[in-house]
């Protein structure tokens, strides 16, 4: 009751749910250890340890199975209805858009690449999505990844830079 495990929605299980479940499993393991020791006598330490690990594993697998099934089902969407998306901007705005697009149920969009002018970010990943280059590689990557939509997430860029990026994106005939 104090950890609110029975009030959480399994569909949105997250890191905090994992921590609360681990705490509940630890408390249960302590009570189990004390109870077994008092009622039946001392058991090998491995009995208590393996029991706690198995209990934690089962509880976590049941709690996160629903979320895992939703993720698997989402990944199996047909390729025809999925539109490939490119995000321009790998900052915090780009990351928020990436997460929103990946979580949106009403759209079947999938972010397949990110563009950013910061050379230090090239070749890295945000939530499994590669940062593939700068604005000069927009046209190349639109063809390479079969992009249908482009989201621009550079709120701090000067108007002149945004205009330049928009002009490059207009050449792609993608939805902006």
Protein backbone atom coordinates (compact mmCIF):
# COMPACT_ATOMS: atom_id res chain seq x y z
CA UNK A 1 0.00 0.00 0.00
CA UNK A 2 2.71 2.49 0.93
CA UNK A 3 4.59 1.86 -2.34
CA UNK A 4 1.39 2.23 -4.44
CA UNK A 5 2.17 -0.82 -6.55
CA UNK A 6 -1.48 -1.71 -6.99
CA UNK A 7 -2.49 1.76 -8.13
CA UNK A 8 -0.03 2.12 -10.98
CA UNK A 9 -1.01 1.60 -14.59
CA UNK A 10 1.11 -1.19 -16.03
CA UNK A 11 0.88 0.32 -19.47
CA UNK A 12 3.05 3.23 -18.28
CA UNK A 13 5.47 1.23 -16.13
CA UNK A 14 8.73 3.14 -15.85
CA UNK A 15 11.92 3.43 -13.87
CA UNK A 16 10.09 4.63 -10.75
CA UNK A 17 7.84 1.55 -10.97
CA UNK A 18 10.97 -0.60 -11.15
CA UNK A 19 12.42 1.05 -8.03
CA UNK A 20 9.16 0.66 -6.07
CA UNK A 21 8.93 -2.99 -7.12
CA UNK A 22 12.53 -3.60 -6.04
CA UNK A 23 11.82 -2.00 -2.65
CA UNK A 24 8.69 -4.11 -2.20
CA UNK A 25 10.58 -7.27 -3.16
CA UNK A 26 13.34 -6.45 -0.67
CA UNK A 27 10.83 -5.87 2.15
CA UNK A 28 9.06 -9.12 1.28
CA UNK A 29 12.39 -10.99 1.24
CA UNK A 30 13.23 -9.66 4.71
CA UNK A 31 9.85 -10.80 6.08
CA UNK A 32 10.25 -14.16 4.34
CA UNK A 33 13.73 -14.64 5.82
CA UNK A 34 12.57 -13.79 9.34
CA UNK A 35 9.43 -15.94 9.03
CA UNK A 36 11.22 -19.02 7.73
CA UNK A 37 13.97 -18.68 10.34
CA UNK A 38 11.49 -18.35 13.22
CA UNK A 39 9.09 -21.08 12.08
CA UNK A 40 11.38 -23.69 10.52
CA UNK A 41 14.89 -22.86 11.59
CA UNK A 42 17.84 -21.61 9.70
CA UNK A 43 18.21 -22.30 5.96
CA UNK A 44 21.26 -21.81 3.73
CA UNK A 45 21.86 -18.18 2.74
CA UNK A 46 21.60 -19.15 -0.93
CA UNK A 47 17.97 -20.21 -0.28
CA UNK A 48 17.05 -16.70 0.81
CA UNK A 49 19.08 -14.97 -1.89
CA UNK A 50 17.86 -17.12 -4.78
CA UNK A 51 14.28 -16.87 -3.51
CA UNK A 52 14.46 -13.08 -3.43
CA UNK A 53 15.99 -12.88 -6.92
CA UNK A 54 13.41 -15.26 -8.39
CA UNK A 55 10.55 -13.38 -6.73
CA UNK A 56 11.84 -10.05 -8.05
CA UNK A 57 12.26 -11.52 -11.54
CA UNK A 58 8.72 -12.88 -11.64
CA UNK A 59 7.16 -9.68 -10.33
CA UNK A 60 9.09 -7.52 -12.81
CA UNK A 61 8.36 -9.82 -15.74
CA UNK A 62 4.63 -9.76 -15.01
CA UNK A 63 4.49 -6.01 -14.44
CA UNK A 64 6.51 -5.09 -17.50
CA UNK A 65 5.17 -7.82 -19.82
CA UNK A 66 2.15 -5.71 -20.76
CA UNK A 67 4.31 -2.74 -21.69
CA UNK A 68 6.69 -4.99 -23.57
CA UNK A 69 3.80 -6.50 -25.54
CA UNK A 70 2.60 -3.02 -26.49
CA UNK A 71 6.07 -2.14 -27.75
CA UNK A 72 6.33 -5.36 -29.76
CA UNK A 73 2.88 -4.83 -31.28
CA UNK A 74 3.82 -1.28 -32.21
CA UNK A 75 7.01 -2.44 -33.92
CA UNK A 76 5.06 -4.91 -36.03
CA UNK A 77 2.98 -2.24 -37.75
CA UNK A 78 2.98 -2.72 -41.47
CA UNK A 79 5.63 -0.84 -43.39
CA UNK A 80 3.07 0.53 -45.88
CA UNK A 81 1.28 2.63 -43.30
CA UNK A 82 4.44 3.78 -41.53
CA UNK A 83 5.87 7.10 -42.65
CA UNK A 84 9.57 7.69 -42.14
CA UNK A 85 10.38 10.95 -40.38
CA UNK A 86 13.54 13.04 -40.18
CA UNK A 87 14.08 15.46 -37.32
CA UNK A 88 16.33 18.44 -37.82
CA UNK A 89 17.88 19.38 -34.48
CA UNK A 90 19.35 16.99 -31.92
CA UNK A 91 18.89 19.29 -28.92
CA UNK A 92 16.27 19.05 -26.22
CA UNK A 93 13.47 20.16 -28.60
CA UNK A 94 14.43 17.43 -31.07
CA UNK A 95 14.54 14.86 -28.30
CA UNK A 96 11.06 15.85 -27.11
CA UNK A 97 9.67 15.59 -30.64
CA UNK A 98 11.37 12.21 -31.08
CA UNK A 99 9.75 10.83 -27.94
CA UNK A 100 6.36 12.32 -28.80
CA UNK A 101 6.40 10.82 -32.31
CA UNK A 102 7.48 7.43 -31.00
CA UNK A 103 4.74 7.40 -28.35
CA UNK A 104 1.92 8.81 -30.48
CA UNK A 105 -0.71 6.15 -31.10
CA UNK A 106 -2.81 8.13 -33.57
CA UNK A 107 0.06 8.42 -36.08
CA UNK A 108 2.10 5.68 -37.63
CA UNK A 109 5.21 7.82 -38.04
CA UNK A 110 8.66 6.49 -37.25
CA UNK A 111 11.70 8.70 -36.76
CA UNK A 112 14.54 7.06 -38.67
CA UNK A 113 17.24 9.74 -38.57
CA UNK A 114 18.19 13.06 -37.03
CA UNK A 115 20.13 15.93 -38.62
CA UNK A 116 22.25 18.33 -36.56
CA UNK A 117 25.01 20.76 -37.51
CA UNK A 118 27.09 19.89 -34.44
CA UNK A 119 29.82 17.58 -35.78
CA UNK A 120 30.37 16.09 -32.30
CA UNK A 121 26.86 14.57 -32.41
CA UNK A 122 27.28 12.84 -35.78
CA UNK A 123 27.38 9.06 -35.52
CA UNK A 124 25.71 9.09 -32.11
CA UNK A 125 22.19 8.01 -31.19
CA UNK A 126 19.21 9.46 -29.32
CA UNK A 127 16.83 6.72 -28.14
CA UNK A 128 18.20 4.40 -30.84
CA UNK A 129 17.82 6.94 -33.66
CA UNK A 130 21.05 7.88 -35.46
CA UNK A 131 22.30 11.43 -35.92
CA UNK A 132 23.45 11.18 -39.53
CA UNK A 133 24.96 14.55 -40.42
CA UNK A 134 24.45 18.26 -40.90
CA UNK A 135 22.09 20.31 -43.04
CA UNK A 136 24.21 19.70 -46.14
CA UNK A 137 23.27 16.00 -45.94
CA UNK A 138 19.50 16.52 -45.71
CA UNK A 139 18.83 15.73 -49.40
CA UNK A 140 21.09 12.67 -49.33
CA UNK A 141 19.46 11.23 -46.20
CA UNK A 142 15.92 11.91 -47.42
CA UNK A 143 16.65 9.53 -50.29
CA UNK A 144 18.65 7.06 -48.21
CA UNK A 145 15.97 6.66 -45.50
CA UNK A 146 12.92 7.19 -47.76
CA UNK A 147 11.71 10.16 -45.69
CA UNK A 148 8.09 11.34 -45.99
CA UNK A 149 8.02 14.00 -43.26
CA UNK A 150 10.54 16.41 -41.79
CA UNK A 151 10.16 17.98 -38.36
CA UNK A 152 12.30 21.03 -37.65
CA UNK A 153 13.33 21.41 -34.00
CA UNK A 154 15.79 24.27 -33.84
CA UNK A 155 14.04 26.94 -31.75
CA UNK A 156 17.24 28.72 -30.73
CA UNK A 157 18.62 29.05 -34.28
CA UNK A 158 18.59 32.52 -35.84
CA UNK A 159 15.85 33.20 -38.39
CA UNK A 160 18.36 33.22 -41.26
CA UNK A 161 19.55 29.68 -40.42
CA UNK A 162 15.98 28.40 -40.10
CA UNK A 163 15.11 29.95 -43.46
CA UNK A 164 18.12 28.23 -45.03
CA UNK A 165 17.10 24.88 -43.54
CA UNK A 166 13.52 25.36 -44.77
CA UNK A 167 14.76 26.13 -48.29
CA UNK A 168 16.78 22.91 -48.33
CA UNK A 169 13.76 20.96 -47.01
CA UNK A 170 11.48 22.42 -49.71
CA UNK A 171 13.66 20.76 -52.34
CA UNK A 172 12.86 17.35 -50.88
CA UNK A 173 9.09 17.50 -51.52
CA UNK A 174 8.57 16.06 -48.03
CA UNK A 175 5.81 17.18 -45.72
CA UNK A 176 7.21 19.80 -43.35
